[in-house]
């Protein structure tokens, strides 16, 4: 598969026209993931997970909406799996 700048821009335009709310939500999730990654990478080994996990859950919740509105079963199952795994981690942090 050959990637094309013009095709990528066209895809973004079509996606915006089909559902601007979803595309905006996906951009917010992208930014949240960058914030999460930077926070964790800059604070290891003393990361305050009681702050990071709620941000993760906001991003995952937005991803649930996006995957359902996009009709993507794979993205939905990946997101739900991450929610379960992160819920276990968050529970363990709260119980320490």
N, C-alpha and C. Protein backbone atom coordinates (compact mmCIF):
# COMPACT_ATOMS: atom_id res chain seq x y z
N UNK A 1 0.85 -1.18 0.00
CA UNK A 1 0.00 0.00 0.00
C UNK A 1 0.89 1.24 0.00
N UNK A 2 0.67 2.09 -0.95
CA UNK A 2 1.45 3.31 -1.07
C UNK A 2 0.67 4.47 -0.45
N UNK A 3 1.31 5.16 0.48
CA UNK A 3 0.67 6.31 1.11
C UNK A 3 0.87 7.55 0.26
N UNK A 4 -0.17 8.34 0.20
CA UNK A 4 -0.12 9.56 -0.60
C UNK A 4 -0.61 10.73 0.25
N UNK A 5 0.13 11.82 0.22
CA UNK A 5 -0.25 13.02 0.96
C UNK A 5 -1.64 13.49 0.54
N UNK A 6 -1.89 13.55 -0.76
CA UNK A 6 -3.18 14.02 -1.26
C UNK A 6 -4.32 13.11 -0.83
N UNK A 7 -4.08 11.79 -0.87
CA UNK A 7 -5.12 10.85 -0.45
C UNK A 7 -5.38 10.96 1.04
N UNK A 8 -4.33 11.21 1.81
CA UNK A 8 -4.50 11.37 3.26
C UNK A 8 -5.33 12.61 3.57
N UNK A 9 -5.02 13.72 2.93
CA UNK A 9 -5.79 14.95 3.12
C UNK A 9 -7.24 14.75 2.68
N UNK A 10 -7.43 14.05 1.57
CA UNK A 10 -8.79 13.76 1.10
C UNK A 10 -9.55 12.90 2.10
N UNK A 11 -8.86 11.92 2.69
CA UNK A 11 -9.48 11.08 3.70
C UNK A 11 -9.92 11.92 4.90
N UNK A 12 -9.06 12.82 5.35
CA UNK A 12 -9.39 13.68 6.49
C UNK A 12 -10.58 14.56 6.16
N UNK A 13 -10.63 15.12 4.97
CA UNK A 13 -11.78 15.95 4.56
C UNK A 13 -13.08 15.15 4.53
N UNK A 14 -13.02 13.94 3.97
CA UNK A 14 -14.22 13.09 3.92
C UNK A 14 -14.67 12.72 5.33
N UNK A 15 -13.70 12.41 6.18
CA UNK A 15 -14.01 12.03 7.55
C UNK A 15 -14.65 13.22 8.28
N UNK A 16 -14.13 14.41 8.07
CA UNK A 16 -14.68 15.61 8.70
C UNK A 16 -16.11 15.85 8.24
N UNK A 17 -16.35 15.69 6.94
CA UNK A 17 -17.70 15.90 6.40
C UNK A 17 -18.68 14.84 6.91
N UNK A 18 -18.21 13.62 7.10
CA UNK A 18 -19.11 12.57 7.54
C UNK A 18 -19.47 12.69 9.02
N UNK A 19 -18.52 13.15 9.85
CA UNK A 19 -18.80 13.27 11.27
C UNK A 19 -17.74 14.16 11.94
N UNK A 20 -17.93 15.48 11.89
CA UNK A 20 -16.92 16.38 12.46
C UNK A 20 -16.74 16.21 13.96
N UNK A 21 -17.80 15.84 14.66
CA UNK A 21 -17.70 15.64 16.11
C UNK A 21 -16.75 14.48 16.43
N UNK A 22 -16.91 13.37 15.68
CA UNK A 22 -16.06 12.21 15.91
C UNK A 22 -14.60 12.53 15.61
N UNK A 23 -14.35 13.20 14.50
CA UNK A 23 -12.97 13.54 14.14
C UNK A 23 -12.36 14.45 15.20
N UNK A 24 -13.13 15.41 15.69
CA UNK A 24 -12.64 16.29 16.75
C UNK A 24 -12.33 15.49 18.02
N UNK A 25 -13.20 14.55 18.35
CA UNK A 25 -12.99 13.71 19.52
C UNK A 25 -11.72 12.88 19.36
N UNK A 26 -11.49 12.37 18.16
CA UNK A 26 -10.29 11.58 17.93
C UNK A 26 -9.02 12.42 18.03
N UNK A 27 -9.09 13.67 17.62
CA UNK A 27 -7.94 14.57 17.78
C UNK A 27 -7.69 14.83 19.27
N UNK A 28 -8.75 14.99 20.05
CA UNK A 28 -8.61 15.18 21.50
C UNK A 28 -7.94 13.95 22.12
N UNK A 29 -8.36 12.76 21.71
CA UNK A 29 -7.76 11.52 22.22
C UNK A 29 -6.28 11.47 21.85
N UNK A 30 -5.96 11.85 20.63
CA UNK A 30 -4.56 11.87 20.19
C UNK A 30 -3.74 12.79 21.09
N UNK A 31 -4.26 13.97 21.37
CA UNK A 31 -3.55 14.90 22.25
C UNK A 31 -3.44 14.35 23.67
N UNK A 32 -4.51 13.75 24.18
CA UNK A 32 -4.46 13.16 25.52
C UNK A 32 -3.41 12.04 25.59
N UNK A 33 -3.32 11.24 24.54
CA UNK A 33 -2.32 10.18 24.53
C UNK A 33 -0.90 10.74 24.56
N UNK A 34 -0.68 11.86 23.90
CA UNK A 34 0.63 12.51 23.96
C UNK A 34 0.90 13.01 25.37
N UNK A 35 -0.10 13.63 26.00
CA UNK A 35 0.05 14.11 27.38
C UNK A 35 0.36 12.93 28.31
N UNK A 36 -0.35 11.83 28.15
CA UNK A 36 -0.13 10.64 28.98
C UNK A 36 1.29 10.11 28.79
N UNK A 37 1.69 9.95 27.54
CA UNK A 37 3.02 9.41 27.26
C UNK A 37 4.12 10.31 27.81
N UNK A 38 3.98 11.62 27.63
CA UNK A 38 4.99 12.55 28.16
C UNK A 38 5.01 12.54 29.68
N UNK A 39 3.84 12.53 30.28
CA UNK A 39 3.76 12.51 31.74
C UNK A 39 4.46 11.28 32.31
N UNK A 40 4.15 10.14 31.75
CA UNK A 40 4.75 8.90 32.25
C UNK A 40 6.25 8.89 31.98
N UNK A 41 6.66 9.25 30.78
CA UNK A 41 8.09 9.18 30.45
C UNK A 41 8.92 10.18 31.24
N UNK A 42 8.34 11.30 31.60
CA UNK A 42 9.09 12.32 32.35
C UNK A 42 9.06 12.11 33.85
N UNK A 43 8.15 11.27 34.33
CA UNK A 43 8.03 11.09 35.78
C UNK A 43 8.43 9.70 36.28
N UNK A 44 8.80 8.80 35.37
CA UNK A 44 9.24 7.47 35.77
C UNK A 44 10.50 7.62 36.62
N UNK A 45 10.69 6.97 37.72
CA UNK A 45 9.91 5.88 38.28
C UNK A 45 8.90 6.33 39.32
N UNK A 46 8.68 7.62 39.47
CA UNK A 46 7.77 8.11 40.51
C UNK A 46 6.47 8.66 39.92
N UNK A 47 5.99 8.03 38.88
CA UNK A 47 4.75 8.46 38.23
C UNK A 47 3.59 8.40 39.21
N UNK A 48 2.81 9.47 39.28
CA UNK A 48 1.62 9.49 40.13
C UNK A 48 0.44 8.94 39.32
N UNK A 49 0.24 7.64 39.42
CA UNK A 49 -0.79 6.97 38.62
C UNK A 49 -2.19 7.39 39.02
N UNK A 50 -2.37 7.94 40.22
CA UNK A 50 -3.70 8.40 40.60
C UNK A 50 -4.11 9.62 39.78
N UNK A 51 -3.15 10.27 39.14
CA UNK A 51 -3.44 11.38 38.22
C UNK A 51 -3.52 10.88 36.79
N UNK A 52 -2.63 9.97 36.43
CA UNK A 52 -2.54 9.51 35.04
C UNK A 52 -3.73 8.63 34.65
N UNK A 53 -4.12 7.71 35.53
CA UNK A 53 -5.21 6.79 35.18
C UNK A 53 -6.53 7.50 34.82
N UNK A 54 -6.96 8.51 35.56
CA UNK A 54 -8.20 9.19 35.14
C UNK A 54 -8.11 9.79 33.73
N UNK A 55 -6.95 10.31 33.37
CA UNK A 55 -6.76 10.85 32.01
C UNK A 55 -6.86 9.72 31.00
N UNK A 56 -6.26 8.59 31.34
CA UNK A 56 -6.34 7.42 30.46
C UNK A 56 -7.81 7.01 30.25
N UNK A 57 -8.59 7.01 31.33
CA UNK A 57 -9.99 6.59 31.21
C UNK A 57 -10.82 7.59 30.39
N UNK A 58 -10.49 8.87 30.46
CA UNK A 58 -11.18 9.85 29.61
C UNK A 58 -10.88 9.54 28.14
N UNK A 59 -9.60 9.32 27.83
CA UNK A 59 -9.21 9.01 26.45
C UNK A 59 -9.88 7.72 25.97
N UNK A 60 -9.89 6.70 26.81
CA UNK A 60 -10.52 5.43 26.41
C UNK A 60 -12.02 5.58 26.22
N UNK A 61 -12.66 6.38 27.05
CA UNK A 61 -14.11 6.61 26.89
C UNK A 61 -14.42 7.29 25.57
N UNK A 62 -13.60 8.25 25.21
CA UNK A 62 -13.78 8.92 23.91
C UNK A 62 -13.55 7.92 22.78
N UNK A 63 -12.57 7.03 22.96
CA UNK A 63 -12.31 6.00 21.94
C UNK A 63 -13.49 5.04 21.78
N UNK A 64 -14.19 4.75 22.86
CA UNK A 64 -15.38 3.90 22.76
C UNK A 64 -16.40 4.56 21.84
N UNK A 65 -16.67 5.84 22.09
CA UNK A 65 -17.60 6.57 21.22
C UNK A 65 -17.13 6.53 19.76
N UNK A 66 -15.85 6.83 19.55
CA UNK A 66 -15.32 6.89 18.19
C UNK A 66 -15.43 5.54 17.49
N UNK A 67 -15.09 4.48 18.19
CA UNK A 67 -15.13 3.17 17.55
C UNK A 67 -16.56 2.75 17.21
N UNK A 68 -17.49 3.07 18.10
CA UNK A 68 -18.89 2.73 17.81
C UNK A 68 -19.42 3.56 16.65
N UNK A 69 -19.14 4.86 16.65
CA UNK A 69 -19.67 5.70 15.57
C UNK A 69 -18.98 5.40 14.24
N UNK A 70 -17.75 4.90 14.28
CA UNK A 70 -17.03 4.54 13.07
C UNK A 70 -17.41 3.13 12.61
N UNK A 71 -18.01 2.37 13.53
CA UNK A 71 -18.38 1.00 13.19
C UNK A 71 -17.18 0.06 13.19
N UNK A 72 -16.20 0.34 14.06
CA UNK A 72 -14.99 -0.47 14.09
C UNK A 72 -15.01 -1.42 15.29
N UNK A 73 -15.30 -2.67 15.01
CA UNK A 73 -15.34 -3.68 16.06
C UNK A 73 -13.95 -3.88 16.66
N UNK A 74 -12.92 -3.90 15.83
CA UNK A 74 -11.56 -4.11 16.30
C UNK A 74 -11.12 -3.02 17.27
N UNK A 75 -11.37 -1.77 16.92
CA UNK A 75 -11.01 -0.66 17.81
C UNK A 75 -11.81 -0.71 19.10
N UNK A 76 -13.09 -1.08 19.00
CA UNK A 76 -13.92 -1.18 20.19
C UNK A 76 -13.39 -2.26 21.13
N UNK A 77 -13.07 -3.43 20.60
CA UNK A 77 -12.58 -4.52 21.44
C UNK A 77 -11.21 -4.18 22.05
N UNK A 78 -10.35 -3.53 21.29
CA UNK A 78 -9.05 -3.11 21.81
C UNK A 78 -9.25 -2.12 22.95
N UNK A 79 -10.14 -1.15 22.76
CA UNK A 79 -10.40 -0.14 23.79
C UNK A 79 -11.00 -0.75 25.04
N UNK A 80 -11.97 -1.65 24.87
CA UNK A 80 -12.59 -2.30 26.02
C UNK A 80 -11.55 -3.14 26.78
N UNK A 81 -10.70 -3.84 26.05
CA UNK A 81 -9.65 -4.63 26.69
C UNK A 81 -8.71 -3.73 27.49
N UNK A 82 -8.31 -2.61 26.91
CA UNK A 82 -7.44 -1.66 27.63
C UNK A 82 -8.15 -1.10 28.86
N UNK A 83 -9.46 -0.86 28.74
CA UNK A 83 -10.21 -0.37 29.91
C UNK A 83 -10.19 -1.40 31.04
N UNK A 84 -10.36 -2.66 30.71
CA UNK A 84 -10.35 -3.70 31.73
C UNK A 84 -8.97 -3.79 32.38
N UNK A 85 -7.92 -3.84 31.57
CA UNK A 85 -6.56 -3.93 32.08
C UNK A 85 -6.22 -2.71 32.94
N UNK A 86 -6.54 -1.51 32.44
CA UNK A 86 -6.24 -0.29 33.20
C UNK A 86 -7.10 -0.18 34.45
N UNK A 87 -8.30 -0.70 34.42
CA UNK A 87 -9.15 -0.70 35.61
C UNK A 87 -8.53 -1.55 36.72
N UNK A 88 -7.98 -2.67 36.33
CA UNK A 88 -7.29 -3.53 37.30
C UNK A 88 -6.08 -2.80 37.88
N UNK A 89 -5.30 -2.17 37.02
CA UNK A 89 -4.15 -1.41 37.49
C UNK A 89 -4.54 -0.27 38.40
N UNK A 90 -5.59 0.46 38.03
CA UNK A 90 -6.05 1.59 38.85
C UNK A 90 -6.57 1.10 40.19
N UNK A 91 -7.30 0.00 40.19
CA UNK A 91 -7.79 -0.59 41.43
C UNK A 91 -6.62 -0.95 42.34
N UNK A 92 -5.60 -1.56 41.76
CA UNK A 92 -4.41 -1.95 42.55
C UNK A 92 -3.71 -0.74 43.14
N UNK A 93 -3.63 0.35 42.35
CA UNK A 93 -3.01 1.59 42.85
C UNK A 93 -3.82 2.13 44.02
N UNK A 94 -5.14 2.13 43.88
CA UNK A 94 -6.00 2.67 44.95
C UNK A 94 -5.93 1.83 46.21
N UNK A 95 -5.65 0.53 46.08
CA UNK A 95 -5.64 -0.37 47.23
C UNK A 95 -4.28 -0.40 47.94
N UNK A 96 -3.25 0.21 47.35
CA UNK A 96 -1.92 0.21 48.01
C UNK A 96 -1.91 1.03 49.26
